[in-house]
Amino acid sequence: MKTIEMIQKLSILHCLYQMIASADGAIDDERDQAAIEIALSELDLPSNCWDRALRLNPHDCFIHVSTLNDDDKQQFKNLLLKIADMGGNSFFRVSCANHIFQLANI
């Protein structure tokens, strides 16, 4: 996913935020920092992109993610499910991830 468009990368980060915040009520820096770093690394992005991603419109993010090719969609799905198992509350995180997959036609 390192070669996808910047708006798609930021949209993936925003979806990650949506998954964690929806399941846990908010991002906890201590609990979720490792997950954020994994996502930034997978997307080959600097840490300041996290804040940029959070300013995006969620609906637009689902549309941008839906335009990924099939291989990148699978990588996105794998990333969200991997992160869903980090930081606890896995059941709710996986449920939120599945909802995001539906919204993004994955």
N, C-alpha and C. Protein backbone atom coordinates (compact mmCIF):
# COMPACT_ATOMS: atom_id res chain seq x y z
N MET A 1 0.82 -1.20 0.00
CA MET A 1 0.00 0.00 0.00
C MET A 1 0.86 1.26 0.00
N LYS A 2 2.14 1.09 -0.09
CA LYS A 2 3.04 2.24 -0.07
C LYS A 2 2.96 3.05 -1.36
N THR A 3 2.41 2.48 -2.41
CA THR A 3 2.39 3.18 -3.70
C THR A 3 1.02 3.76 -4.06
N ILE A 4 0.06 3.67 -3.16
CA ILE A 4 -1.26 4.23 -3.45
C ILE A 4 -1.23 5.75 -3.30
N GLU A 5 -2.28 6.41 -3.76
CA GLU A 5 -2.36 7.87 -3.70
C GLU A 5 -2.40 8.36 -2.25
N MET A 6 -1.92 9.57 -2.03
CA MET A 6 -1.87 10.13 -0.69
C MET A 6 -3.27 10.19 -0.05
N ILE A 7 -4.28 10.58 -0.81
CA ILE A 7 -5.63 10.69 -0.25
C ILE A 7 -6.12 9.31 0.19
N GLN A 8 -5.73 8.27 -0.50
CA GLN A 8 -6.11 6.92 -0.10
C GLN A 8 -5.39 6.51 1.18
N LYS A 9 -4.12 6.89 1.29
CA LYS A 9 -3.36 6.59 2.52
C LYS A 9 -3.98 7.29 3.72
N LEU A 10 -4.28 8.58 3.55
CA LEU A 10 -4.89 9.33 4.65
C LEU A 10 -6.27 8.77 4.98
N SER A 11 -6.99 8.33 3.99
CA SER A 11 -8.31 7.75 4.21
C SER A 11 -8.21 6.44 4.99
N ILE A 12 -7.19 5.66 4.72
CA ILE A 12 -6.96 4.43 5.47
C ILE A 12 -6.69 4.77 6.94
N LEU A 13 -5.87 5.77 7.17
CA LEU A 13 -5.60 6.19 8.55
C LEU A 13 -6.88 6.64 9.24
N HIS A 14 -7.70 7.38 8.50
CA HIS A 14 -8.96 7.85 9.10
C HIS A 14 -9.87 6.66 9.43
N CYS A 15 -9.92 5.67 8.58
CA CYS A 15 -10.72 4.47 8.86
C CYS A 15 -10.19 3.75 10.10
N LEU A 16 -8.89 3.71 10.24
CA LEU A 16 -8.29 3.12 11.43
C LEU A 16 -8.75 3.88 12.67
N TYR A 17 -8.70 5.20 12.59
CA TYR A 17 -9.18 6.02 13.70
C TYR A 17 -10.65 5.71 14.01
N GLN A 18 -11.47 5.64 12.97
CA GLN A 18 -12.89 5.36 13.16
C GLN A 18 -13.11 4.02 13.86
N MET A 19 -12.33 3.02 13.48
CA MET A 19 -12.48 1.70 14.08
C MET A 19 -12.15 1.75 15.58
N ILE A 20 -11.02 2.34 15.93
CA ILE A 20 -10.60 2.37 17.33
C ILE A 20 -11.52 3.26 18.15
N ALA A 21 -11.80 4.46 17.65
CA ALA A 21 -12.63 5.40 18.41
C ALA A 21 -14.05 4.89 18.57
N SER A 22 -14.58 4.22 17.56
CA SER A 22 -15.95 3.69 17.66
C SER A 22 -16.02 2.56 18.68
N ALA A 23 -14.99 1.75 18.73
CA ALA A 23 -15.00 0.61 19.66
C ALA A 23 -14.65 1.02 21.07
N ASP A 24 -13.74 1.98 21.22
CA ASP A 24 -13.20 2.32 22.53
C ASP A 24 -13.57 3.71 23.03
N GLY A 25 -14.29 4.47 22.24
CA GLY A 25 -14.71 5.80 22.67
C GLY A 25 -13.72 6.89 22.32
N ALA A 26 -12.46 6.53 22.14
CA ALA A 26 -11.42 7.52 21.81
C ALA A 26 -10.12 6.79 21.55
N ILE A 27 -9.15 7.53 21.05
CA ILE A 27 -7.80 7.00 20.90
C ILE A 27 -7.08 7.26 22.22
N ASP A 28 -6.43 6.25 22.73
CA ASP A 28 -5.60 6.38 23.92
C ASP A 28 -4.15 6.30 23.46
N ASP A 29 -3.40 7.38 23.65
CA ASP A 29 -2.03 7.44 23.12
C ASP A 29 -1.19 6.26 23.57
N GLU A 30 -1.27 5.93 24.82
CA GLU A 30 -0.45 4.84 25.35
C GLU A 30 -0.88 3.48 24.78
N ARG A 31 -2.17 3.23 24.77
CA ARG A 31 -2.70 1.94 24.31
C ARG A 31 -2.58 1.77 22.81
N ASP A 32 -2.80 2.84 22.04
CA ASP A 32 -2.94 2.73 20.60
C ASP A 32 -1.73 3.20 19.80
N GLN A 33 -0.70 3.68 20.45
CA GLN A 33 0.46 4.21 19.72
C GLN A 33 1.11 3.16 18.83
N ALA A 34 1.25 1.94 19.31
CA ALA A 34 1.88 0.89 18.50
C ALA A 34 1.06 0.62 17.23
N ALA A 35 -0.26 0.61 17.36
CA ALA A 35 -1.13 0.38 16.20
C ALA A 35 -0.99 1.50 15.19
N ILE A 36 -0.94 2.73 15.67
CA ILE A 36 -0.78 3.88 14.78
C ILE A 36 0.56 3.81 14.05
N GLU A 37 1.61 3.44 14.77
CA GLU A 37 2.93 3.34 14.16
C GLU A 37 2.98 2.24 13.10
N ILE A 38 2.30 1.13 13.35
CA ILE A 38 2.24 0.05 12.35
C ILE A 38 1.57 0.56 11.09
N ALA A 39 0.45 1.26 11.24
CA ALA A 39 -0.27 1.79 10.08
C ALA A 39 0.58 2.80 9.32
N LEU A 40 1.21 3.71 10.03
CA LEU A 40 2.06 4.70 9.36
C LEU A 40 3.20 4.02 8.61
N SER A 41 3.78 3.00 9.20
CA SER A 41 4.86 2.26 8.55
C SER A 41 4.36 1.53 7.30
N GLU A 42 3.22 0.86 7.41
CA GLU A 42 2.63 0.14 6.27
C GLU A 42 2.36 1.08 5.10
N LEU A 43 2.01 2.31 5.42
CA LEU A 43 1.66 3.29 4.38
C LEU A 43 2.84 4.18 4.00
N ASP A 44 3.97 3.99 4.69
CA ASP A 44 5.18 4.78 4.44
C ASP A 44 4.89 6.28 4.60
N LEU A 45 4.31 6.61 5.76
CA LEU A 45 3.94 7.99 6.05
C LEU A 45 4.62 8.48 7.33
N PRO A 46 4.93 9.78 7.41
CA PRO A 46 5.45 10.35 8.65
C PRO A 46 4.33 10.51 9.68
N SER A 47 4.70 10.67 10.92
CA SER A 47 3.70 10.73 12.00
C SER A 47 2.76 11.92 11.90
N ASN A 48 3.18 13.01 11.26
CA ASN A 48 2.28 14.18 11.17
C ASN A 48 1.08 13.92 10.27
N CYS A 49 1.10 12.85 9.51
CA CYS A 49 -0.04 12.51 8.64
C CYS A 49 -1.24 12.03 9.45
N TRP A 50 -1.01 11.56 10.66
CA TRP A 50 -2.13 11.12 11.50
C TRP A 50 -3.10 12.26 11.71
N ASP A 51 -2.59 13.43 12.09
CA ASP A 51 -3.47 14.59 12.31
C ASP A 51 -4.16 15.04 11.03
N ARG A 52 -3.46 14.96 9.92
CA ARG A 52 -4.08 15.32 8.63
C ARG A 52 -5.23 14.39 8.31
N ALA A 53 -5.05 13.11 8.59
CA ALA A 53 -6.09 12.13 8.29
C ALA A 53 -7.34 12.35 9.13
N LEU A 54 -7.17 12.78 10.36
CA LEU A 54 -8.32 12.96 11.24
C LEU A 54 -9.19 14.13 10.83
N ARG A 55 -8.67 15.02 10.01
CA ARG A 55 -9.45 16.18 9.56
C ARG A 55 -10.30 15.87 8.33
N LEU A 56 -10.16 14.67 7.77
CA LEU A 56 -10.92 14.31 6.57
C LEU A 56 -12.37 13.96 6.91
N ASN A 57 -13.21 14.11 5.92
CA ASN A 57 -14.61 13.73 6.04
C ASN A 57 -14.70 12.19 6.00
N PRO A 58 -15.30 11.56 7.02
CA PRO A 58 -15.36 10.10 7.04
C PRO A 58 -16.01 9.49 5.79
N HIS A 59 -17.09 10.09 5.34
CA HIS A 59 -17.78 9.56 4.15
C HIS A 59 -16.85 9.56 2.94
N ASP A 60 -16.12 10.64 2.76
CA ASP A 60 -15.17 10.71 1.65
C ASP A 60 -14.09 9.64 1.79
N CYS A 61 -13.68 9.37 3.02
CA CYS A 61 -12.64 8.35 3.25
C CYS A 61 -13.11 6.98 2.80
N PHE A 62 -14.36 6.63 3.09
CA PHE A 62 -14.88 5.34 2.67
C PHE A 62 -14.88 5.25 1.14
N ILE A 63 -15.21 6.35 0.48
CA ILE A 63 -15.20 6.37 -0.99
C ILE A 63 -13.79 6.18 -1.52
N HIS A 64 -12.81 6.89 -0.93
CA HIS A 64 -11.42 6.76 -1.39
C HIS A 64 -10.89 5.34 -1.17
N VAL A 65 -11.23 4.74 -0.05
CA VAL A 65 -10.78 3.36 0.21
C VAL A 65 -11.45 2.40 -0.77
N SER A 66 -12.69 2.68 -1.13
CA SER A 66 -13.40 1.79 -2.06
C SER A 66 -12.77 1.78 -3.45
N THR A 67 -11.94 2.79 -3.76
CA THR A 67 -11.31 2.86 -5.07
C THR A 67 -9.98 2.11 -5.13
N LEU A 68 -9.55 1.53 -4.03
CA LEU A 68 -8.32 0.74 -4.02
C LEU A 68 -8.48 -0.48 -4.92
N ASN A 69 -7.38 -0.96 -5.48
CA ASN A 69 -7.46 -2.19 -6.25
C ASN A 69 -7.65 -3.37 -5.29
N ASP A 70 -7.94 -4.54 -5.82
CA ASP A 70 -8.27 -5.69 -4.98
C ASP A 70 -7.15 -6.08 -4.03
N ASP A 71 -5.90 -6.03 -4.49
CA ASP A 71 -4.77 -6.37 -3.62
C ASP A 71 -4.64 -5.39 -2.46
N ASP A 72 -4.78 -4.11 -2.75
CA ASP A 72 -4.68 -3.10 -1.70
C ASP A 72 -5.87 -3.18 -0.74
N LYS A 73 -7.04 -3.51 -1.26
CA LYS A 73 -8.20 -3.71 -0.38
C LYS A 73 -7.95 -4.85 0.59
N GLN A 74 -7.35 -5.92 0.12
CA GLN A 74 -7.04 -7.04 0.99
C GLN A 74 -6.01 -6.65 2.05
N GLN A 75 -5.01 -5.87 1.64
CA GLN A 75 -4.01 -5.40 2.59
C GLN A 75 -4.64 -4.47 3.63
N PHE A 76 -5.55 -3.61 3.19
CA PHE A 76 -6.28 -2.74 4.11
C PHE A 76 -7.07 -3.57 5.11
N LYS A 77 -7.76 -4.56 4.61
CA LYS A 77 -8.56 -5.43 5.48
C LYS A 77 -7.66 -6.14 6.49
N ASN A 78 -6.55 -6.68 6.03
CA ASN A 78 -5.61 -7.36 6.92
C ASN A 78 -5.06 -6.41 7.98
N LEU A 79 -4.76 -5.18 7.58
CA LEU A 79 -4.22 -4.19 8.51
C LEU A 79 -5.24 -3.87 9.61
N LEU A 80 -6.48 -3.60 9.22
CA LEU A 80 -7.50 -3.28 10.22
C LEU A 80 -7.75 -4.45 11.16
N LEU A 81 -7.79 -5.65 10.62
CA LEU A 81 -8.03 -6.82 11.48
C LEU A 81 -6.84 -7.09 12.40
N LYS A 82 -5.63 -6.84 11.91
CA LYS A 82 -4.44 -6.98 12.76
C LYS A 82 -4.50 -5.99 13.91
N ILE A 83 -4.84 -4.76 13.61
CA ILE A 83 -4.89 -3.71 14.63
C ILE A 83 -6.08 -3.92 15.57
N ALA A 84 -7.14 -4.54 15.05
CA ALA A 84 -8.31 -4.83 15.91
C ALA A 84 -7.92 -5.73 17.07
N ASP A 85 -6.90 -6.56 16.88
CA ASP A 85 -6.45 -7.45 17.94
C ASP A 85 -5.45 -6.81 18.88
N MET A 86 -5.14 -5.56 18.66
CA MET A 86 -4.18 -4.85 19.53
C MET A 86 -4.94 -3.93 20.49
N GLY A 87 -4.49 -3.83 21.67
CA GLY A 87 -5.03 -2.85 22.61
C GLY A 87 -6.31 -3.25 23.31
N GLY A 88 -6.72 -4.49 23.18
CA GLY A 88 -7.93 -4.93 23.87
C GLY A 88 -9.19 -4.59 23.11
N ASN A 89 -10.31 -4.99 23.67
CA ASN A 89 -11.63 -4.72 23.09
C ASN A 89 -11.75 -5.26 21.67
N SER A 90 -11.12 -6.39 21.41
CA SER A 90 -11.05 -6.95 20.05
C SER A 90 -12.42 -7.21 19.44
N PHE A 91 -13.35 -7.71 20.23
CA PHE A 91 -14.68 -8.03 19.70
C PHE A 91 -15.33 -6.79 19.07
N PHE A 92 -15.31 -5.67 19.78
CA PHE A 92 -15.94 -4.45 19.26
C PHE A 92 -15.13 -3.86 18.11
N ARG A 93 -13.81 -3.97 18.19
CA ARG A 93 -12.98 -3.45 17.11
C ARG A 93 -13.22 -4.22 15.81
N VAL A 94 -13.31 -5.54 15.91
CA VAL A 94 -13.57 -6.35 14.71
C VAL A 94 -14.96 -6.02 14.16
N SER A 95 -15.92 -5.83 15.04
CA SER A 95 -17.26 -5.45 14.61
C SER A 95 -17.23 -4.11 13.87
N CYS A 96 -16.51 -3.15 14.40
CA CYS A 96 -16.38 -1.84 13.74
C CYS A 96 -15.63 -1.97 12.42
N ALA A 97 -14.59 -2.80 12.39
CA ALA A 97 -13.85 -3.01 11.14
C ALA A 97 -14.76 -3.60 10.07
N ASN A 98 -15.58 -4.57 10.44
CA ASN A 98 -16.49 -5.18 9.48
C ASN A 98 -17.49 -4.16 8.94
N HIS A 99 -17.92 -3.25 9.79
CA HIS A 99 -18.83 -2.19 9.33
C HIS A 99 -18.11 -1.26 8.33
N ILE A 100 -16.86 -0.95 8.62
CA ILE A 100 -16.07 -0.11 7.71
C ILE A 100 -15.90 -0.83 6.37
N PHE A 101 -15.65 -2.13 6.41
CA PHE A 101 -15.50 -2.89 5.16
C PHE A 101 -16.79 -2.79 4.32
N GLN A 102 -17.93 -2.84 4.96
CA GLN A 102 -19.19 -2.70 4.23
C GLN A 102 -19.32 -1.30 3.62
N LEU A 103 -18.97 -0.29 4.41
CA LEU A 103 -19.08 1.09 3.91
C LEU A 103 -18.13 1.36 2.75
N ALA A 104 -17.01 0.66 2.73
CA ALA A 104 -16.00 0.86 1.69
C ALA A 104 -16.09 -0.21 0.59
N ASN A 105 -17.17 -0.99 0.59
CA ASN A 105 -17.38 -2.03 -0.44
C ASN A 105 -16.22 -3.02 -0.53
N ILE A 106 -15.82 -3.51 0.63
CA ILE A 106 -14.71 -4.49 0.67
C ILE A 106 -15.28 -5.82 1.13
